[in-house]
Amino acid sequence: MPDLQHLLIFIAAGWLLNLTPGPDVLYIVSHALRSGVRAGVVAGLGITAGCFVHVFAAAVGVGALLAASATAFTVLKWTGAAYLLWIGARLLLARAPQASTDLAALASAQPAGLRAVFLGGFWTNVLNPKVAIFFLAFVPQFIAPDAPHKALAFVALGILFNLNSIPVNSGWAFAAAWMARRQAIQRRLHWLDRAAGLMFLAFGIRLALTEAPRAA
């Protein structure tokens, strides 16, 4: 494990990375806007669960396989891209609510199953090979070259990174739910769905165009 100074830098870097808008943040915000803070928090927990898969997979060598094998990377990349494109298409094709429908009525008419929200966040992360490559590139920088148990240190830092992401993801959920209570936001939820759908399509296309990392 790194010393206290490097550990604090690791935590701060993790918070900054989790604050950066991307597919994960968009997934949390879209569900919190649509179905409230609980759905947003559950979405964040699903994303965190997906990150745990990448941490443990990287520790046993699956992440290294994705980094070294163009075929493995491409298969997972296209699966993840298709999933993001599917989410984007669903948002774009969502039916517009009536002008008189408020957020509470919309939530009751179209309830978001929390299990489905959790699993959606989980698969959004698990099917993205860039997350696995990120952990392989980021975490080892904070492990001393002479550390006796590098795999254990990797898992410990990965767990710490994921636990630190929970308050940040929850913050996104609370902020989005607070925004959704404003009347001006309620009247524009349909257009927010369209904007989120376009962004998910963009993320999916970007992932599809990502090249596999070159083996050293």
C-alpha atoms as a PDB file:
ATOM      1  CA  MET A   1       0.000   0.000   0.000  1.00  0.00           C
ATOM      2  CA  PRO A   2       1.220   3.569  -0.637  1.00  0.00           C
ATOM      3  CA  ASP A   3       2.171   5.901   2.185  1.00  0.00           C
ATOM      4  CA  LEU A   4      -0.352   8.411   3.541  1.00  0.00           C
ATOM      5  CA  GLN A   5       0.600  11.196   1.120  1.00  0.00           C
ATOM      6  CA  HIS A   6       0.258   8.991  -1.959  1.00  0.00           C
ATOM      7  CA  LEU A   7      -2.920   7.460  -0.552  1.00  0.00           C
ATOM      8  CA  LEU A   8      -4.505  10.910  -0.220  1.00  0.00           C
ATOM      9  CA  ILE A   9      -3.439  11.736  -3.780  1.00  0.00           C
ATOM     10  CA  PHE A  10      -5.014   8.459  -4.922  1.00  0.00           C
ATOM     11  CA  ILE A  11      -8.292   9.311  -3.178  1.00  0.00           C
ATOM     12  CA  ALA A  12      -8.357  12.864  -4.560  1.00  0.00           C
ATOM     13  CA  ALA A  13      -7.618  11.640  -8.091  1.00  0.00           C
ATOM     14  CA  GLY A  14     -10.403   9.088  -7.794  1.00  0.00           C
ATOM     15  CA  TRP A  15     -12.900  11.748  -6.744  1.00  0.00           C
ATOM     16  CA  LEU A  16     -11.907  13.986  -9.650  1.00  0.00           C
ATOM     17  CA  LEU A  17     -12.210  11.109 -12.102  1.00  0.00           C
ATOM     18  CA  ASN A  18     -15.657  10.207 -10.781  1.00  0.00           C
ATOM     19  CA  LEU A  19     -16.778  13.838 -11.074  1.00  0.00           C
ATOM     20  CA  THR A  20     -15.898  13.827 -14.779  1.00  0.00           C
ATOM     21  CA  PRO A  21     -19.068  13.435 -16.905  1.00  0.00           C
ATOM     22  CA  GLY A  22     -19.222  10.202 -18.879  1.00  0.00           C
ATOM     23  CA  PRO A  23     -21.581   7.257 -19.507  1.00  0.00           C
ATOM     24  CA  ASP A  24     -21.695   6.421 -15.784  1.00  0.00           C
ATOM     25  CA  VAL A  25     -22.599   9.936 -14.683  1.00  0.00           C
ATOM     26  CA  LEU A  26     -25.135  10.253 -17.484  1.00  0.00           C
ATOM     27  CA  TYR A  27     -26.763   6.965 -16.456  1.00  0.00           C
ATOM     28  CA  ILE A  28     -27.086   8.132 -12.837  1.00  0.00           C
ATOM     29  CA  VAL A  29     -28.371  11.589 -13.726  1.00  0.00           C
ATOM     30  CA  SER A  30     -30.928  10.363 -16.267  1.00  0.00           C
ATOM     31  CA  HIS A  31     -32.468   7.936 -13.774  1.00  0.00           C
ATOM     32  CA  ALA A  32     -32.445  10.455 -10.932  1.00  0.00           C
ATOM     33  CA  LEU A  33     -34.158  13.034 -13.152  1.00  0.00           C
ATOM     34  CA  ARG A  34     -36.751  10.554 -14.288  1.00  0.00           C
ATOM     35  CA  SER A  35     -37.450   8.522 -11.126  1.00  0.00           C
ATOM     36  CA  GLY A  36     -35.956  10.357  -8.176  1.00  0.00           C
ATOM     37  CA  VAL A  37     -32.922  10.178  -5.936  1.00  0.00           C
ATOM     38  CA  ARG A  38     -33.390   6.536  -4.946  1.00  0.00           C
ATOM     39  CA  ALA A  39     -33.195   5.386  -8.567  1.00  0.00           C
ATOM     40  CA  GLY A  40     -30.104   7.565  -9.076  1.00  0.00           C
ATOM     41  CA  VAL A  41     -28.357   6.135  -6.023  1.00  0.00           C
ATOM     42  CA  VAL A  42     -29.221   2.573  -7.082  1.00  0.00           C
ATOM     43  CA  ALA A  43     -27.870   3.328 -10.563  1.00  0.00           C
ATOM     44  CA  GLY A  44     -24.612   4.470  -8.955  1.00  0.00           C
ATOM     45  CA  LEU A  45     -24.418   1.319  -6.833  1.00  0.00           C
ATOM     46  CA  GLY A  46     -24.884  -0.805  -9.948  1.00  0.00           C
ATOM     47  CA  ILE A  47     -22.031   1.033 -11.633  1.00  0.00           C
ATOM     48  CA  THR A  48     -19.843   0.524  -8.567  1.00  0.00           C
ATOM     49  CA  ALA A  49     -20.659  -3.197  -8.571  1.00  0.00           C
ATOM     50  CA  GLY A  50     -19.542  -3.350 -12.191  1.00  0.00           C
ATOM     51  CA  CYS A  51     -16.267  -1.685 -11.247  1.00  0.00           C
ATOM     52  CA  PHE A  52     -15.654  -4.386  -8.637  1.00  0.00           C
ATOM     53  CA  VAL A  53     -15.855  -6.962 -11.412  1.00  0.00           C
ATOM     54  CA  HIS A  54     -13.099  -5.154 -13.309  1.00  0.00           C
ATOM     55  CA  VAL A  55     -10.926  -4.814 -10.203  1.00  0.00           C
ATOM     56  CA  PHE A  56     -11.014  -8.516  -9.365  1.00  0.00           C
ATOM     57  CA  ALA A  57     -10.741  -9.519 -13.024  1.00  0.00           C
ATOM     58  CA  ALA A  58      -7.664  -7.330 -13.460  1.00  0.00           C
ATOM     59  CA  ALA A  59      -6.138  -8.842 -10.314  1.00  0.00           C
ATOM     60  CA  VAL A  60      -6.437 -12.362 -11.782  1.00  0.00           C
ATOM     61  CA  GLY A  61      -5.202 -11.344 -15.220  1.00  0.00           C
ATOM     62  CA  VAL A  62      -8.377 -10.822 -17.258  1.00  0.00           C
ATOM     63  CA  GLY A  63      -7.624  -7.125 -17.585  1.00  0.00           C
ATOM     64  CA  ALA A  64      -4.152  -7.931 -18.852  1.00  0.00           C
ATOM     65  CA  LEU A  65      -5.720 -10.289 -21.385  1.00  0.00           C
ATOM     66  CA  LEU A  66      -7.959  -7.482 -22.667  1.00  0.00           C
ATOM     67  CA  ALA A  67      -4.934  -5.222 -22.913  1.00  0.00           C
ATOM     68  CA  ALA A  68      -2.919  -7.823 -24.821  1.00  0.00           C
ATOM     69  CA  SER A  69      -5.564  -9.553 -26.952  1.00  0.00           C
ATOM     70  CA  ALA A  70      -7.102  -7.497 -29.726  1.00  0.00           C
ATOM     71  CA  THR A  71      -9.792 -10.144 -30.225  1.00  0.00           C
ATOM     72  CA  ALA A  72     -10.916 -10.197 -26.580  1.00  0.00           C
ATOM     73  CA  PHE A  73     -10.903  -6.405 -26.447  1.00  0.00           C
ATOM     74  CA  THR A  74     -12.897  -6.115 -29.695  1.00  0.00           C
ATOM     75  CA  VAL A  75     -15.571  -8.611 -28.618  1.00  0.00           C
ATOM     76  CA  LEU A  76     -16.180  -6.829 -25.325  1.00  0.00           C
ATOM     77  CA  LYS A  77     -15.920  -3.421 -27.006  1.00  0.00           C
ATOM     78  CA  TRP A  78     -18.638  -4.173 -29.551  1.00  0.00           C
ATOM     79  CA  THR A  79     -20.869  -5.719 -26.898  1.00  0.00           C
ATOM     80  CA  GLY A  80     -20.510  -2.623 -24.710  1.00  0.00           C
ATOM     81  CA  ALA A  81     -21.014  -0.265 -27.648  1.00  0.00           C
ATOM     82  CA  ALA A  82     -24.187  -2.086 -28.664  1.00  0.00           C
ATOM     83  CA  TYR A  83     -25.497  -1.823 -25.109  1.00  0.00           C
ATOM     84  CA  LEU A  84     -24.846   1.933 -24.966  1.00  0.00           C
ATOM     85  CA  LEU A  85     -26.475   2.405 -28.369  1.00  0.00           C
ATOM     86  CA  TRP A  86     -29.504   0.433 -27.173  1.00  0.00           C
ATOM     87  CA  ILE A  87     -29.872   2.676 -24.104  1.00  0.00           C
ATOM     88  CA  GLY A  88     -29.567   5.754 -26.312  1.00  0.00           C
ATOM     89  CA  ALA A  89     -32.179   4.477 -28.755  1.00  0.00           C
ATOM     90  CA  ARG A  90     -34.623   3.740 -25.921  1.00  0.00           C
ATOM     91  CA  LEU A  91     -34.281   7.286 -24.608  1.00  0.00           C
ATOM     92  CA  LEU A  92     -34.668   8.811 -28.057  1.00  0.00           C
ATOM     93  CA  LEU A  93     -37.790   6.760 -28.780  1.00  0.00           C
ATOM     94  CA  ALA A  94     -39.403   7.345 -25.379  1.00  0.00           C
ATOM     95  CA  ARG A  95     -42.900   8.765 -25.712  1.00  0.00           C
ATOM     96  CA  ALA A  96     -43.344  12.380 -24.699  1.00  0.00           C
ATOM     97  CA  PRO A  97     -45.521  12.957 -21.599  1.00  0.00           C
ATOM     98  CA  GLN A  98     -48.562  15.196 -21.726  1.00  0.00           C
ATOM     99  CA  ALA A  99     -47.850  18.832 -20.977  1.00  0.00           C
ATOM    100  CA  SER A 100     -49.941  18.672 -17.801  1.00  0.00           C
ATOM    101  CA  THR A 101     -48.094  15.657 -16.419  1.00  0.00           C
ATOM    102  CA  ASP A 102     -45.903  16.508 -13.461  1.00  0.00           C
ATOM    103  CA  LEU A 103     -42.883  14.558 -12.268  1.00  0.00           C
ATOM    104  CA  ALA A 104     -44.732  12.665  -9.534  1.00  0.00           C
ATOM    105  CA  ALA A 105     -47.427  11.460 -11.935  1.00  0.00           C
ATOM    106  CA  LEU A 106     -44.808  10.513 -14.502  1.00  0.00           C
ATOM    107  CA  ALA A 107     -42.872   8.491 -11.941  1.00  0.00           C
ATOM    108  CA  SER A 108     -46.024   6.623 -10.888  1.00  0.00           C
ATOM    109  CA  ALA A 109     -47.086   6.009 -14.486  1.00  0.00           C
ATOM    110  CA  GLN A 110     -43.661   4.787 -15.596  1.00  0.00           C
ATOM    111  CA  PRO A 111     -41.986   3.357 -12.490  1.00  0.00           C
ATOM    112  CA  ALA A 112     -38.344   2.472 -12.824  1.00  0.00           C
ATOM    113  CA  GLY A 113     -37.710  -0.972 -11.358  1.00  0.00           C
ATOM    114  CA  LEU A 114     -34.751  -0.565  -9.023  1.00  0.00           C
ATOM    115  CA  ARG A 115     -33.440  -4.027  -9.883  1.00  0.00           C
ATOM    116  CA  ALA A 116     -33.445  -3.143 -13.584  1.00  0.00           C
ATOM    117  CA  VAL A 117     -31.774   0.208 -12.831  1.00  0.00           C
ATOM    118  CA  PHE A 118     -29.063  -1.542 -10.783  1.00  0.00           C
ATOM    119  CA  LEU A 119     -28.417  -4.181 -13.446  1.00  0.00           C
ATOM    120  CA  GLY A 120     -28.343  -1.530 -16.159  1.00  0.00           C
ATOM    121  CA  GLY A 121     -25.605   0.357 -14.329  1.00  0.00           C
ATOM    122  CA  PHE A 122     -23.775  -2.903 -13.645  1.00  0.00           C
ATOM    123  CA  TRP A 123     -23.710  -3.949 -17.308  1.00  0.00           C
ATOM    124  CA  THR A 124     -22.895  -0.439 -18.495  1.00  0.00           C
ATOM    125  CA  ASN A 125     -19.617  -0.795 -16.629  1.00  0.00           C
ATOM    126  CA  VAL A 126     -18.879  -4.514 -17.032  1.00  0.00           C
ATOM    127  CA  LEU A 127     -19.260  -4.375 -20.817  1.00  0.00           C
ATOM    128  CA  ASN A 128     -16.871  -1.442 -21.202  1.00  0.00           C
ATOM    129  CA  PRO A 129     -13.295  -2.708 -21.733  1.00  0.00           C
ATOM    130  CA  LYS A 130     -11.986   0.835 -21.276  1.00  0.00           C
ATOM    131  CA  VAL A 131     -12.831   0.530 -17.573  1.00  0.00           C
ATOM    132  CA  ALA A 132     -10.634  -2.567 -17.291  1.00  0.00           C
ATOM    133  CA  ILE A 133      -7.798  -0.816 -19.120  1.00  0.00           C
ATOM    134  CA  PHE A 134      -8.252   2.221 -16.853  1.00  0.00           C
ATOM    135  CA  PHE A 135      -7.739   0.165 -13.711  1.00  0.00           C
ATOM    136  CA  LEU A 136      -4.672  -1.510 -15.223  1.00  0.00           C
ATOM    137  CA  ALA A 137      -3.182   1.880 -16.098  1.00  0.00           C
ATOM    138  CA  PHE A 138      -4.207   3.923 -13.040  1.00  0.00           C
ATOM    139  CA  VAL A 139      -3.965   1.726  -9.952  1.00  0.00           C
ATOM    140  CA  PRO A 140      -0.436   0.279 -10.440  1.00  0.00           C
ATOM    141  CA  GLN A 141       1.005   3.824 -10.361  1.00  0.00           C
ATOM    142  CA  PHE A 142       0.305   3.839  -6.621  1.00  0.00           C
ATOM    143  CA  ILE A 143       1.860   0.432  -5.903  1.00  0.00           C
ATOM    144  CA  ALA A 144       5.531   0.417  -4.954  1.00  0.00           C
ATOM    145  CA  PRO A 145       7.716  -1.614  -7.348  1.00  0.00           C
ATOM    146  CA  ASP A 146       9.091  -3.587  -4.407  1.00  0.00           C
ATOM    147  CA  ALA A 147       5.683  -4.292  -2.844  1.00  0.00           C
ATOM    148  CA  PRO A 148       5.641  -7.962  -1.729  1.00  0.00           C
ATOM    149  CA  HIS A 149       1.992  -8.618  -2.605  1.00  0.00           C
ATOM    150  CA  LYS A 150       1.186  -6.539  -5.682  1.00  0.00           C
ATOM    151  CA  ALA A 151      -2.063  -8.348  -6.525  1.00  0.00           C
ATOM    152  CA  LEU A 152      -3.368  -7.841  -2.998  1.00  0.00           C
ATOM    153  CA  ALA A 153      -2.367  -4.172  -3.076  1.00  0.00           C
ATOM    154  CA  PHE A 154      -4.103  -3.800  -6.444  1.00  0.00           C
ATOM    155  CA  VAL A 155      -7.338  -5.261  -5.076  1.00  0.00           C
ATOM    156  CA  ALA A 156      -7.147  -3.115  -1.922  1.00  0.00           C
ATOM    157  CA  LEU A 157      -6.651   0.093  -3.914  1.00  0.00           C
ATOM    158  CA  GLY A 158      -9.354  -0.912  -6.382  1.00  0.00           C
ATOM    159  CA  ILE A 159     -11.818  -1.479  -3.539  1.00  0.00           C
ATOM    160  CA  LEU A 160     -10.873   1.885  -2.039  1.00  0.00           C
ATOM    161  CA  PHE A 161     -11.379   3.604  -5.403  1.00  0.00           C
ATOM    162  CA  ASN A 162     -14.820   2.044  -5.802  1.00  0.00           C
ATOM    163  CA  LEU A 163     -15.948   2.839  -2.251  1.00  0.00           C
ATOM    164  CA  ASN A 164     -14.815   6.447  -2.727  1.00  0.00           C
ATOM    165  CA  SER A 165     -16.957   6.650  -5.851  1.00  0.00           C
ATOM    166  CA  ILE A 166     -20.173   5.982  -3.917  1.00  0.00           C
ATOM    167  CA  PRO A 167     -20.506   9.455  -2.291  1.00  0.00           C
ATOM    168  CA  VAL A 168     -19.637  11.140  -5.614  1.00  0.00           C
ATOM    169  CA  ASN A 169     -22.188   9.082  -7.544  1.00  0.00           C
ATOM    170  CA  SER A 170     -24.769   9.678  -4.830  1.00  0.00           C
ATOM    171  CA  GLY A 171     -24.034  13.402  -5.053  1.00  0.00           C
ATOM    172  CA  TRP A 172     -24.824  13.325  -8.773  1.00  0.00           C
ATOM    173  CA  ALA A 173     -28.100  11.535  -7.952  1.00  0.00           C
ATOM    174  CA  PHE A 174     -29.120  14.049  -5.270  1.00  0.00           C
ATOM    175  CA  ALA A 175     -28.221  17.005  -7.505  1.00  0.00           C
ATOM    176  CA  ALA A 176     -30.207  15.623 -10.441  1.00  0.00           C
ATOM    177  CA  ALA A 177     -33.212  14.785  -8.250  1.00  0.00           C
ATOM    178  CA  TRP A 178     -33.135  18.301  -6.809  1.00  0.00           C
ATOM    179  CA  MET A 179     -33.094  19.747 -10.334  1.00  0.00           C
ATOM    180  CA  ALA A 180     -36.024  17.541 -11.320  1.00  0.00           C
ATOM    181  CA  ARG A 181     -38.183  19.180  -8.627  1.00  0.00           C
ATOM    182  CA  ARG A 182     -37.894  22.520 -10.397  1.00  0.00           C
ATOM    183  CA  GLN A 183     -40.918  23.183 -12.578  1.00  0.00           C
ATOM    184  CA  ALA A 184     -38.777  24.362 -15.487  1.00  0.00           C
ATOM    185  CA  ILE A 185     -36.902  21.031 -15.478  1.00  0.00           C
ATOM    186  CA  GLN A 186     -40.122  19.016 -15.179  1.00  0.00           C
ATOM    187  CA  ARG A 187     -41.485  20.629 -18.321  1.00  0.00           C
ATOM    188  CA  ARG A 188     -38.335  19.696 -20.222  1.00  0.00           C
ATOM    189  CA  LEU A 189     -37.824  16.103 -19.073  1.00  0.00           C
ATOM    190  CA  HIS A 190     -38.786  14.801 -22.515  1.00  0.00           C
ATOM    191  CA  TRP A 191     -36.082  16.911 -24.153  1.00  0.00           C
ATOM    192  CA  LEU A 192     -33.599  15.849 -21.495  1.00  0.00           C
ATOM    193  CA  ASP A 193     -34.364  12.247 -22.473  1.00  0.00           C
ATOM    194  CA  ARG A 194     -33.587  13.151 -26.072  1.00  0.00           C
ATOM    195  CA  ALA A 195     -30.330  14.852 -25.094  1.00  0.00           C
ATOM    196  CA  ALA A 196     -29.320  11.891 -22.903  1.00  0.00           C
ATOM    197  CA  GLY A 197     -30.189   9.504 -25.731  1.00  0.00           C
ATOM    198  CA  LEU A 198     -27.964  11.383 -28.151  1.00  0.00           C
ATOM    199  CA  MET A 199     -25.124  11.392 -25.632  1.00  0.00           C
ATOM    200  CA  PHE A 200     -25.440   7.641 -25.043  1.00  0.00           C
ATOM    201  CA  LEU A 201     -25.352   7.123 -28.815  1.00  0.00           C
ATOM    202  CA  ALA A 202     -22.219   9.274 -28.961  1.00  0.00           C
ATOM    203  CA  PHE A 203     -20.593   7.270 -26.147  1.00  0.00           C
ATOM    204  CA  GLY A 204     -21.500   4.035 -27.904  1.00  0.00           C
ATOM    205  CA  ILE A 205     -20.027   5.202 -31.212  1.00  0.00           C
ATOM    206  CA  ARG A 206     -16.924   6.467 -29.444  1.00  0.00           C
ATOM    207  CA  LEU A 207     -16.460   3.101 -27.738  1.00  0.00           C
ATOM    208  CA  ALA A 208     -16.999   1.267 -31.033  1.00  0.00           C
ATOM    209  CA  LEU A 209     -14.247   3.366 -32.632  1.00  0.00           C
ATOM    210  CA  THR A 210     -11.792   2.764 -29.779  1.00  0.00           C
ATOM    211  CA  GLU A 211      -8.746   0.816 -30.893  1.00  0.00           C
ATOM    212  CA  ALA A 212      -7.385  -2.019 -28.813  1.00  0.00           C
ATOM    213  CA  PRO A 213      -4.277  -1.025 -26.815  1.00  0.00           C
ATOM    214  CA  ARG A 214      -1.030  -2.117 -28.344  1.00  0.00           C
ATOM    215  CA  ALA A 215       0.878  -4.754 -26.442  1.00  0.00           C
ATOM    216  CA  ALA A 216       4.206  -3.542 -25.148  1.00  0.00           C
END
